[in-house]
Amino acid sequence: MIAADPRDVELKFALAKFYVAGRQPEHAEKIYREVIDGEKLDAAGLAARDRLAALRASATTCRVRGSSSARCLPRARATMMR
């Protein structure tokens, strides 16, 4: 459907959400960047910037304990534990 109407921002946002749910944030980031590049500072461009910032803020950081296990924590919590 995006191929039929490449300027449909709502479809692009839905696709990015699908990628996030599927644990493919790099693909979601690409979609948000495309919207930002196309919409600049219009409402959709600003919304894409907000969603990209939220995506990056929700990224996880993994800490390695010992040599055999890794534990993934939200970035803010991992920083507090250091």
N, C-alpha and C. Protein backbone atom coordinates (compact mmCIF):
# COMPACT_ATOMS: atom_id res chain seq x y z
N MET A 1 0.81 -1.19 0.00
CA MET A 1 0.00 0.00 0.00
C MET A 1 0.86 1.26 0.00
N ILE A 2 2.01 1.20 0.67
CA ILE A 2 2.90 2.35 0.67
C ILE A 2 3.41 2.61 -0.74
N ALA A 3 3.63 1.55 -1.51
CA ALA A 3 4.10 1.72 -2.88
C ALA A 3 3.05 2.45 -3.71
N ALA A 4 1.79 2.25 -3.43
CA ALA A 4 0.72 2.91 -4.17
C ALA A 4 0.64 4.40 -3.83
N ASP A 5 0.95 4.75 -2.58
CA ASP A 5 0.92 6.15 -2.16
C ASP A 5 2.09 6.42 -1.22
N PRO A 6 3.28 6.67 -1.76
CA PRO A 6 4.47 6.82 -0.93
C PRO A 6 4.43 8.03 0.01
N ARG A 7 3.48 8.95 -0.18
CA ARG A 7 3.40 10.12 0.71
C ARG A 7 2.41 9.90 1.86
N ASP A 8 1.83 8.71 1.98
CA ASP A 8 0.88 8.43 3.06
C ASP A 8 1.66 8.20 4.36
N VAL A 9 1.73 9.25 5.14
CA VAL A 9 2.53 9.23 6.37
C VAL A 9 1.94 8.27 7.40
N GLU A 10 0.63 8.19 7.49
CA GLU A 10 0.01 7.31 8.48
C GLU A 10 0.38 5.84 8.20
N LEU A 11 0.43 5.45 6.94
CA LEU A 11 0.86 4.09 6.61
C LEU A 11 2.31 3.87 7.00
N LYS A 12 3.13 4.88 6.78
CA LYS A 12 4.55 4.77 7.16
C LYS A 12 4.69 4.63 8.68
N PHE A 13 3.90 5.40 9.43
CA PHE A 13 3.94 5.29 10.89
C PHE A 13 3.48 3.89 11.33
N ALA A 14 2.47 3.36 10.68
CA ALA A 14 1.99 2.01 11.01
C ALA A 14 3.07 0.97 10.70
N LEU A 15 3.77 1.14 9.58
CA LEU A 15 4.84 0.21 9.24
C LEU A 15 5.97 0.29 10.26
N ALA A 16 6.33 1.50 10.67
CA ALA A 16 7.39 1.66 11.67
C ALA A 16 6.98 1.00 12.99
N LYS A 17 5.72 1.15 13.37
CA LYS A 17 5.22 0.51 14.60
C LYS A 17 5.31 -1.01 14.48
N PHE A 18 5.00 -1.52 13.30
CA PHE A 18 5.11 -2.96 13.03
C PHE A 18 6.56 -3.42 13.22
N TYR A 19 7.50 -2.65 12.69
CA TYR A 19 8.91 -3.00 12.83
C TYR A 19 9.36 -2.97 14.29
N VAL A 20 8.89 -2.00 15.04
CA VAL A 20 9.24 -1.93 16.46
C VAL A 20 8.70 -3.15 17.19
N ALA A 21 7.45 -3.50 16.93
CA ALA A 21 6.85 -4.68 17.57
C ALA A 21 7.59 -5.95 17.19
N GLY A 22 8.14 -5.97 15.99
CA GLY A 22 8.89 -7.14 15.52
C GLY A 22 10.36 -7.09 15.89
N ARG A 23 10.71 -6.18 16.77
CA ARG A 23 12.09 -6.03 17.25
C ARG A 23 13.07 -5.75 16.11
N GLN A 24 12.67 -4.86 15.23
CA GLN A 24 13.52 -4.41 14.13
C GLN A 24 13.59 -2.88 14.15
N PRO A 25 14.13 -2.32 15.23
CA PRO A 25 14.13 -0.86 15.36
C PRO A 25 14.93 -0.14 14.27
N GLU A 26 15.90 -0.81 13.69
CA GLU A 26 16.68 -0.16 12.64
C GLU A 26 15.81 0.13 11.41
N HIS A 27 14.86 -0.74 11.13
CA HIS A 27 13.94 -0.51 10.01
C HIS A 27 12.95 0.61 10.35
N ALA A 28 12.49 0.63 11.59
CA ALA A 28 11.59 1.70 12.03
C ALA A 28 12.30 3.04 11.95
N GLU A 29 13.55 3.08 12.35
CA GLU A 29 14.32 4.33 12.29
C GLU A 29 14.44 4.81 10.85
N LYS A 30 14.65 3.91 9.93
CA LYS A 30 14.74 4.27 8.51
C LYS A 30 13.44 4.91 8.04
N ILE A 31 12.32 4.33 8.43
CA ILE A 31 11.02 4.87 8.04
C ILE A 31 10.83 6.28 8.61
N TYR A 32 11.14 6.45 9.91
CA TYR A 32 10.99 7.76 10.52
C TYR A 32 11.88 8.79 9.83
N ARG A 33 13.09 8.41 9.47
CA ARG A 33 14.00 9.33 8.78
C ARG A 33 13.46 9.72 7.40
N GLU A 34 12.83 8.78 6.72
CA GLU A 34 12.22 9.09 5.42
C GLU A 34 11.12 10.13 5.58
N VAL A 35 10.31 9.97 6.62
CA VAL A 35 9.23 10.93 6.88
C VAL A 35 9.83 12.29 7.23
N ILE A 36 10.84 12.31 8.06
CA ILE A 36 11.49 13.57 8.44
C ILE A 36 12.06 14.27 7.21
N ASP A 37 12.72 13.51 6.35
CA ASP A 37 13.31 14.09 5.14
C ASP A 37 12.24 14.66 4.21
N GLY A 38 11.11 13.99 4.12
CA GLY A 38 10.06 14.43 3.21
C GLY A 38 9.18 15.53 3.76
N GLU A 39 8.92 15.49 5.05
CA GLU A 39 7.95 16.42 5.65
C GLU A 39 8.61 17.60 6.37
N LYS A 40 9.91 17.51 6.57
CA LYS A 40 10.67 18.59 7.23
C LYS A 40 10.04 18.97 8.57
N LEU A 41 9.62 20.23 8.70
CA LEU A 41 9.06 20.72 9.96
C LEU A 41 7.54 20.81 9.96
N ASP A 42 6.90 20.16 8.99
CA ASP A 42 5.44 20.07 9.01
C ASP A 42 5.04 19.15 10.17
N ALA A 43 3.76 19.06 10.42
CA ALA A 43 3.27 18.27 11.56
C ALA A 43 3.75 16.82 11.51
N ALA A 44 3.70 16.20 10.34
CA ALA A 44 4.12 14.81 10.22
C ALA A 44 5.63 14.66 10.45
N GLY A 45 6.40 15.63 9.98
CA GLY A 45 7.85 15.59 10.21
C GLY A 45 8.19 15.71 11.68
N LEU A 46 7.49 16.58 12.37
CA LEU A 46 7.70 16.73 13.80
C LEU A 46 7.26 15.49 14.56
N ALA A 47 6.15 14.88 14.14
CA ALA A 47 5.69 13.65 14.77
C ALA A 47 6.72 12.54 14.57
N ALA A 48 7.30 12.47 13.39
CA ALA A 48 8.33 11.46 13.13
C ALA A 48 9.55 11.69 14.00
N ARG A 49 9.91 12.95 14.21
CA ARG A 49 11.05 13.25 15.10
C ARG A 49 10.75 12.79 16.52
N ASP A 50 9.53 13.04 16.98
CA ASP A 50 9.13 12.60 18.33
C ASP A 50 9.20 11.08 18.45
N ARG A 51 8.68 10.39 17.44
CA ARG A 51 8.66 8.93 17.48
C ARG A 51 10.07 8.35 17.40
N LEU A 52 10.94 8.99 16.63
CA LEU A 52 12.32 8.53 16.55
C LEU A 52 13.02 8.73 17.88
N ALA A 53 12.79 9.86 18.53
CA ALA A 53 13.37 10.12 19.84
C ALA A 53 12.88 9.09 20.86
N ALA A 54 11.59 8.78 20.83
CA ALA A 54 11.03 7.78 21.75
C ALA A 54 11.62 6.40 21.48
N LEU A 55 11.82 6.09 20.21
CA LEU A 55 12.42 4.80 19.85
C LEU A 55 13.82 4.69 20.42
N ARG A 56 14.60 5.74 20.26
CA ARG A 56 15.97 5.72 20.77
C ARG A 56 15.99 5.69 22.30
N ALA A 57 15.05 6.39 22.93
CA ALA A 57 15.00 6.41 24.39
C ALA A 57 14.62 5.05 24.97
N SER A 58 13.86 4.27 24.20
CA SER A 58 13.42 2.97 24.71
C SER A 58 14.41 1.86 24.38
N ALA A 59 15.50 2.20 23.72
CA ALA A 59 16.50 1.19 23.38
C ALA A 59 17.05 0.56 24.67
N THR A 60 17.45 -0.66 24.57
CA THR A 60 17.97 -1.34 25.75
C THR A 60 19.48 -1.41 25.72
N THR A 61 20.04 -1.50 26.89
CA THR A 61 21.47 -1.66 27.05
C THR A 61 21.69 -2.99 27.76
N CYS A 62 22.59 -3.78 27.26
CA CYS A 62 22.87 -5.06 27.88
C CYS A 62 24.16 -4.98 28.69
N ARG A 63 24.10 -5.52 29.88
CA ARG A 63 25.28 -5.60 30.73
C ARG A 63 25.69 -7.06 30.81
N VAL A 64 26.95 -7.29 30.75
CA VAL A 64 27.46 -8.66 30.83
C VAL A 64 27.92 -8.91 32.25
N ARG A 65 27.41 -9.98 32.82
CA ARG A 65 27.81 -10.40 34.15
C ARG A 65 28.57 -11.71 34.01
N GLY A 66 29.80 -11.70 34.44
CA GLY A 66 30.62 -12.90 34.26
C GLY A 66 30.90 -13.08 32.79
N SER A 67 31.18 -14.29 32.40
CA SER A 67 31.51 -14.52 31.00
C SER A 67 30.42 -15.26 30.25
N SER A 68 29.37 -15.71 30.94
CA SER A 68 28.41 -16.55 30.24
C SER A 68 26.99 -15.99 30.16
N SER A 69 26.69 -14.89 30.87
CA SER A 69 25.30 -14.41 30.83
C SER A 69 25.25 -12.92 30.55
N ALA A 70 24.19 -12.52 29.90
CA ALA A 70 23.95 -11.09 29.64
C ALA A 70 22.55 -10.76 30.10
N ARG A 71 22.39 -9.61 30.65
CA ARG A 71 21.07 -9.18 31.10
C ARG A 71 20.76 -7.84 30.45
N CYS A 72 19.64 -7.75 29.78
CA CYS A 72 19.26 -6.51 29.11
C CYS A 72 18.32 -5.72 30.02
N LEU A 73 18.64 -4.46 30.18
CA LEU A 73 17.86 -3.56 31.01
C LEU A 73 17.55 -2.29 30.22
N PRO A 74 16.46 -1.62 30.56
CA PRO A 74 16.26 -0.32 29.93
C PRO A 74 17.45 0.59 30.20
N ARG A 75 17.78 1.45 29.27
CA ARG A 75 18.98 2.28 29.35
C ARG A 75 19.04 3.07 30.67
N ALA A 76 17.95 3.69 31.09
CA ALA A 76 17.96 4.49 32.31
C ALA A 76 18.28 3.62 33.52
N ARG A 77 17.70 2.45 33.60
CA ARG A 77 17.95 1.58 34.75
C ARG A 77 19.37 1.04 34.73
N ALA A 78 19.90 0.71 33.56
CA ALA A 78 21.27 0.22 33.46
C ALA A 78 22.25 1.30 33.90
N THR A 79 21.97 2.54 33.57
CA THR A 79 22.84 3.65 33.96
C THR A 79 22.82 3.80 35.46
N MET A 80 21.65 3.67 36.08
CA MET A 80 21.53 3.81 37.53
C MET A 80 22.30 2.72 38.25
N MET A 81 22.41 1.52 37.66
CA MET A 81 23.05 0.40 38.32
C MET A 81 24.57 0.47 38.26
N ARG A 82 25.12 1.30 37.41
CA ARG A 82 26.58 1.37 37.27
C ARG A 82 27.22 2.01 38.43
